[in-house]
């Protein structure tokens, strides 16, 4: 996964749409957590909150 540029970040923070959400959760690049899809489970649970 690539990092976003400063320009892309500025575009995102300046966007004011009718429906916008941000979800910030820690993720893993490799390892057991990725193989067991733990990040996907954490993301799904965050969406349900």
PDB file of N, CA and C in Angstrom:
ATOM      1  N   UNK A   1       0.848  -1.176   0.000  1.00  0.00           N
ATOM      2  CA  UNK A   1       0.000   0.000   0.000  1.00  0.00           C
ATOM      3  C   UNK A   1       0.889   1.233   0.000  1.00  0.00           C
ATOM      4  N   UNK A   2       0.591   2.161  -0.879  1.00  0.00           N
ATOM      5  CA  UNK A   2       1.361   3.393  -0.968  1.00  0.00           C
ATOM      6  C   UNK A   2       0.786   4.445  -0.032  1.00  0.00           C
ATOM      7  N   UNK A   3       1.658   5.331   0.419  1.00  0.00           N
ATOM      8  CA  UNK A   3       1.205   6.460   1.220  1.00  0.00           C
ATOM      9  C   UNK A   3       0.608   7.510   0.290  1.00  0.00           C
ATOM     10  N   UNK A   4      -0.352   8.265   0.804  1.00  0.00           N
ATOM     11  CA  UNK A   4      -0.938   9.318  -0.026  1.00  0.00           C
ATOM     12  C   UNK A   4      -0.030  10.543   0.014  1.00  0.00           C
ATOM     13  N   UNK A   5      -0.080  11.320  -1.042  1.00  0.00           N
ATOM     14  CA  UNK A   5       0.747  12.527  -1.127  1.00  0.00           C
ATOM     15  C   UNK A   5       0.105  13.658  -0.318  1.00  0.00           C
ATOM     16  N   UNK A   6       0.872  14.708  -0.099  1.00  0.00           N
ATOM     17  CA  UNK A   6       0.344  15.879   0.612  1.00  0.00           C
ATOM     18  C   UNK A   6      -0.821  16.492  -0.159  1.00  0.00           C
ATOM     19  N   UNK A   7      -0.713  16.480  -1.485  1.00  0.00           N
ATOM     20  CA  UNK A   7      -1.779  17.047  -2.314  1.00  0.00           C
ATOM     21  C   UNK A   7      -3.067  16.233  -2.187  1.00  0.00           C
ATOM     22  N   UNK A   8      -2.930  14.911  -2.201  1.00  0.00           N
ATOM     23  CA  UNK A   8      -4.106  14.052  -2.048  1.00  0.00           C
ATOM     24  C   UNK A   8      -4.727  14.231  -0.665  1.00  0.00           C
ATOM     25  N   UNK A   9      -3.888  14.357   0.356  1.00  0.00           N
ATOM     26  CA  UNK A   9      -4.388  14.562   1.713  1.00  0.00           C
ATOM     27  C   UNK A   9      -5.133  15.886   1.812  1.00  0.00           C
ATOM     28  N   UNK A  10      -4.564  16.941   1.227  1.00  0.00           N
ATOM     29  CA  UNK A  10      -5.219  18.251   1.243  1.00  0.00           C
ATOM     30  C   UNK A  10      -6.568  18.186   0.537  1.00  0.00           C
ATOM     31  N   UNK A  11      -6.626  17.449  -0.559  1.00  0.00           N
ATOM     32  CA  UNK A  11      -7.891  17.301  -1.286  1.00  0.00           C
ATOM     33  C   UNK A  11      -8.937  16.599  -0.424  1.00  0.00           C
ATOM     34  N   UNK A  12      -8.504  15.583   0.299  1.00  0.00           N
ATOM     35  CA  UNK A  12      -9.433  14.851   1.163  1.00  0.00           C
ATOM     36  C   UNK A  12      -9.947  15.708   2.317  1.00  0.00           C
ATOM     37  N   UNK A  13      -9.063  16.472   2.956  1.00  0.00           N
ATOM     38  CA  UNK A  13      -9.514  17.261   4.111  1.00  0.00           C
ATOM     39  C   UNK A  13     -10.347  18.466   3.694  1.00  0.00           C
ATOM     40  N   UNK A  14     -10.228  18.877   2.436  1.00  0.00           N
ATOM     41  CA  UNK A  14     -11.024  20.004   1.952  1.00  0.00           C
ATOM     42  C   UNK A  14     -12.345  19.579   1.332  1.00  0.00           C
ATOM     43  N   UNK A  15     -12.596  18.282   1.245  1.00  0.00           N
ATOM     44  CA  UNK A  15     -13.841  17.786   0.670  1.00  0.00           C
ATOM     45  C   UNK A  15     -14.954  17.897   1.705  1.00  0.00           C
ATOM     46  N   UNK A  16     -16.039  18.511   1.330  1.00  0.00           N
ATOM     47  CA  UNK A  16     -17.185  18.674   2.228  1.00  0.00           C
ATOM     48  C   UNK A  16     -18.429  18.140   1.529  1.00  0.00           C
ATOM     49  N   UNK A  17     -18.602  16.842   1.569  1.00  0.00           N
ATOM     50  CA  UNK A  17     -19.760  16.214   0.950  1.00  0.00           C
ATOM     51  C   UNK A  17     -20.885  16.052   1.952  1.00  0.00           C
ATOM     52  N   UNK A  18     -22.017  15.622   1.449  1.00  0.00           N
ATOM     53  CA  UNK A  18     -23.182  15.424   2.307  1.00  0.00           C
ATOM     54  C   UNK A  18     -22.954  14.292   3.304  1.00  0.00           C
ATOM     55  N   UNK A  19     -22.368  13.205   2.845  1.00  0.00           N
ATOM     56  CA  UNK A  19     -22.118  12.050   3.710  1.00  0.00           C
ATOM     57  C   UNK A  19     -20.650  11.662   3.623  1.00  0.00           C
ATOM     58  N   UNK A  20     -19.905  11.916   4.674  1.00  0.00           N
ATOM     59  CA  UNK A  20     -18.478  11.567   4.708  1.00  0.00           C
ATOM     60  C   UNK A  20     -18.165  10.900   6.044  1.00  0.00           C
ATOM     61  N   UNK A  21     -17.349   9.861   5.997  1.00  0.00           N
ATOM     62  CA  UNK A  21     -16.878   9.230   7.225  1.00  0.00           C
ATOM     63  C   UNK A  21     -15.386   8.952   7.090  1.00  0.00           C
ATOM     64  N   UNK A  22     -14.723   8.861   8.214  1.00  0.00           N
ATOM     65  CA  UNK A  22     -13.319   8.460   8.261  1.00  0.00           C
ATOM     66  C   UNK A  22     -13.190   7.382   9.316  1.00  0.00           C
ATOM     67  N   UNK A  23     -12.505   6.318   8.963  1.00  0.00           N
ATOM     68  CA  UNK A  23     -12.264   5.232   9.905  1.00  0.00           C
ATOM     69  C   UNK A  23     -10.761   5.041   9.996  1.00  0.00           C
ATOM     70  N   UNK A  24     -10.218   5.228  11.182  1.00  0.00           N
ATOM     71  CA  UNK A  24      -8.790   5.067  11.404  1.00  0.00           C
ATOM     72  C   UNK A  24      -8.574   3.859  12.292  1.00  0.00           C
ATOM     73  N   UNK A  25      -7.936   2.846  11.758  1.00  0.00           N
ATOM     74  CA  UNK A  25      -7.617   1.650  12.530  1.00  0.00           C
ATOM     75  C   UNK A  25      -6.203   1.207  12.166  1.00  0.00           C
ATOM     76  N   UNK A  26      -5.478   0.670  13.125  1.00  0.00           N
ATOM     77  CA  UNK A  26      -4.144   0.153  12.797  1.00  0.00           C
ATOM     78  C   UNK A  26      -4.262  -1.101  11.937  1.00  0.00           C
ATOM     79  N   UNK A  27      -3.348  -1.260  11.007  1.00  0.00           N
ATOM     80  CA  UNK A  27      -3.341  -2.436  10.142  1.00  0.00           C
ATOM     81  C   UNK A  27      -1.938  -3.026  10.085  1.00  0.00           C
ATOM     82  N   UNK A  28      -1.846  -4.220   9.559  1.00  0.00           N
ATOM     83  CA  UNK A  28      -0.571  -4.920   9.446  1.00  0.00           C
ATOM     84  C   UNK A  28      -0.208  -5.099   7.982  1.00  0.00           C
ATOM     85  N   UNK A  29       1.070  -5.020   7.669  1.00  0.00           N
ATOM     86  CA  UNK A  29       1.535  -5.232   6.291  1.00  0.00           C
ATOM     87  C   UNK A  29       1.815  -6.699   6.016  1.00  0.00           C
ATOM     88  N   UNK A  30       2.197  -7.438   7.038  1.00  0.00           N
ATOM     89  CA  UNK A  30       2.548  -8.851   6.850  1.00  0.00           C
ATOM     90  C   UNK A  30       2.418  -9.565   8.182  1.00  0.00           C
ATOM     91  N   UNK A  31       2.490 -10.874   8.131  1.00  0.00           N
ATOM     92  CA  UNK A  31       2.489 -11.666   9.352  1.00  0.00           C
ATOM     93  C   UNK A  31       1.209 -12.446   9.557  1.00  0.00           C
ATOM     94  N   UNK A  32       1.127 -13.033  10.725  1.00  0.00           N
ATOM     95  CA  UNK A  32      -0.010 -13.885  11.075  1.00  0.00           C
ATOM     96  C   UNK A  32      -1.316 -13.106  11.016  1.00  0.00           C
ATOM     97  N   UNK A  33      -1.291 -11.859  11.464  1.00  0.00           N
ATOM     98  CA  UNK A  33      -2.514 -11.047  11.479  1.00  0.00           C
ATOM     99  C   UNK A  33      -3.096 -10.904  10.074  1.00  0.00           C
ATOM    100  N   UNK A  34      -2.231 -10.747   9.083  1.00  0.00           N
ATOM    101  CA  UNK A  34      -2.685 -10.618   7.698  1.00  0.00           C
ATOM    102  C   UNK A  34      -3.215 -11.956   7.205  1.00  0.00           C
ATOM    103  N   UNK A  35      -2.480 -13.014   7.475  1.00  0.00           N
ATOM    104  CA  UNK A  35      -2.892 -14.346   7.019  1.00  0.00           C
ATOM    105  C   UNK A  35      -4.230 -14.761   7.614  1.00  0.00           C
ATOM    106  N   UNK A  36      -4.485 -14.369   8.842  1.00  0.00           N
ATOM    107  CA  UNK A  36      -5.739 -14.739   9.505  1.00  0.00           C
ATOM    108  C   UNK A  36      -6.828 -13.694   9.289  1.00  0.00           C
ATOM    109  N   UNK A  37      -6.545 -12.693   8.465  1.00  0.00           N
ATOM    110  CA  UNK A  37      -7.508 -11.638   8.112  1.00  0.00           C
ATOM    111  C   UNK A  37      -8.050 -10.898   9.334  1.00  0.00           C
ATOM    112  N   UNK A  38      -7.196 -10.727  10.346  1.00  0.00           N
ATOM    113  CA  UNK A  38      -7.625 -10.030  11.560  1.00  0.00           C
ATOM    114  C   UNK A  38      -7.959  -8.571  11.279  1.00  0.00           C
ATOM    115  N   UNK A  39      -7.209  -7.929  10.370  1.00  0.00           N
ATOM    116  CA  UNK A  39      -7.496  -6.534  10.051  1.00  0.00           C
ATOM    117  C   UNK A  39      -8.876  -6.377   9.413  1.00  0.00           C
ATOM    118  N   UNK A  40      -9.253  -7.319   8.571  1.00  0.00           N
ATOM    119  CA  UNK A  40     -10.577  -7.272   7.940  1.00  0.00           C
ATOM    120  C   UNK A  40     -11.676  -7.400   8.985  1.00  0.00           C
ATOM    121  N   UNK A  41     -11.453  -8.231   9.982  1.00  0.00           N
ATOM    122  CA  UNK A  41     -12.438  -8.408  11.056  1.00  0.00           C
ATOM    123  C   UNK A  41     -12.553  -7.129  11.878  1.00  0.00           C
ATOM    124  N   UNK A  42     -11.412  -6.511  12.196  1.00  0.00           N
ATOM    125  CA  UNK A  42     -11.421  -5.256  12.958  1.00  0.00           C
ATOM    126  C   UNK A  42     -12.150  -4.178  12.160  1.00  0.00           C
ATOM    127  N   UNK A  43     -11.898  -4.117  10.850  1.00  0.00           N
ATOM    128  CA  UNK A  43     -12.567  -3.137   9.994  1.00  0.00           C
ATOM    129  C   UNK A  43     -14.073  -3.366   9.969  1.00  0.00           C
ATOM    130  N   UNK A  44     -14.489  -4.608   9.803  1.00  0.00           N
ATOM    131  CA  UNK A  44     -15.919  -4.938   9.785  1.00  0.00           C
ATOM    132  C   UNK A  44     -16.578  -4.529  11.100  1.00  0.00           C
ATOM    133  N   UNK A  45     -15.922  -4.805  12.218  1.00  0.00           N
ATOM    134  CA  UNK A  45     -16.473  -4.440  13.523  1.00  0.00           C
ATOM    135  C   UNK A  45     -16.546  -2.927  13.687  1.00  0.00           C
ATOM    136  N   UNK A  46     -15.563  -2.200  13.162  1.00  0.00           N
ATOM    137  CA  UNK A  46     -15.582  -0.738  13.245  1.00  0.00           C
ATOM    138  C   UNK A  46     -16.752  -0.168  12.445  1.00  0.00           C
ATOM    139  N   UNK A  47     -17.044  -0.768  11.305  1.00  0.00           N
ATOM    140  CA  UNK A  47     -18.175  -0.306  10.492  1.00  0.00           C
ATOM    141  C   UNK A  47     -19.508  -0.516  11.198  1.00  0.00           C
ATOM    142  N   UNK A  48     -19.599  -1.561  12.004  1.00  0.00           N
ATOM    143  CA  UNK A  48     -20.854  -1.881  12.683  1.00  0.00           C
ATOM    144  C   UNK A  48     -21.103  -0.999  13.902  1.00  0.00           C
ATOM    145  N   UNK A  49     -20.096  -0.279  14.366  1.00  0.00           N
ATOM    146  CA  UNK A  49     -20.268   0.558  15.569  1.00  0.00           C
ATOM    147  C   UNK A  49     -21.014   1.826  15.270  1.00  0.00           C
TER     148      UNK A  49
END
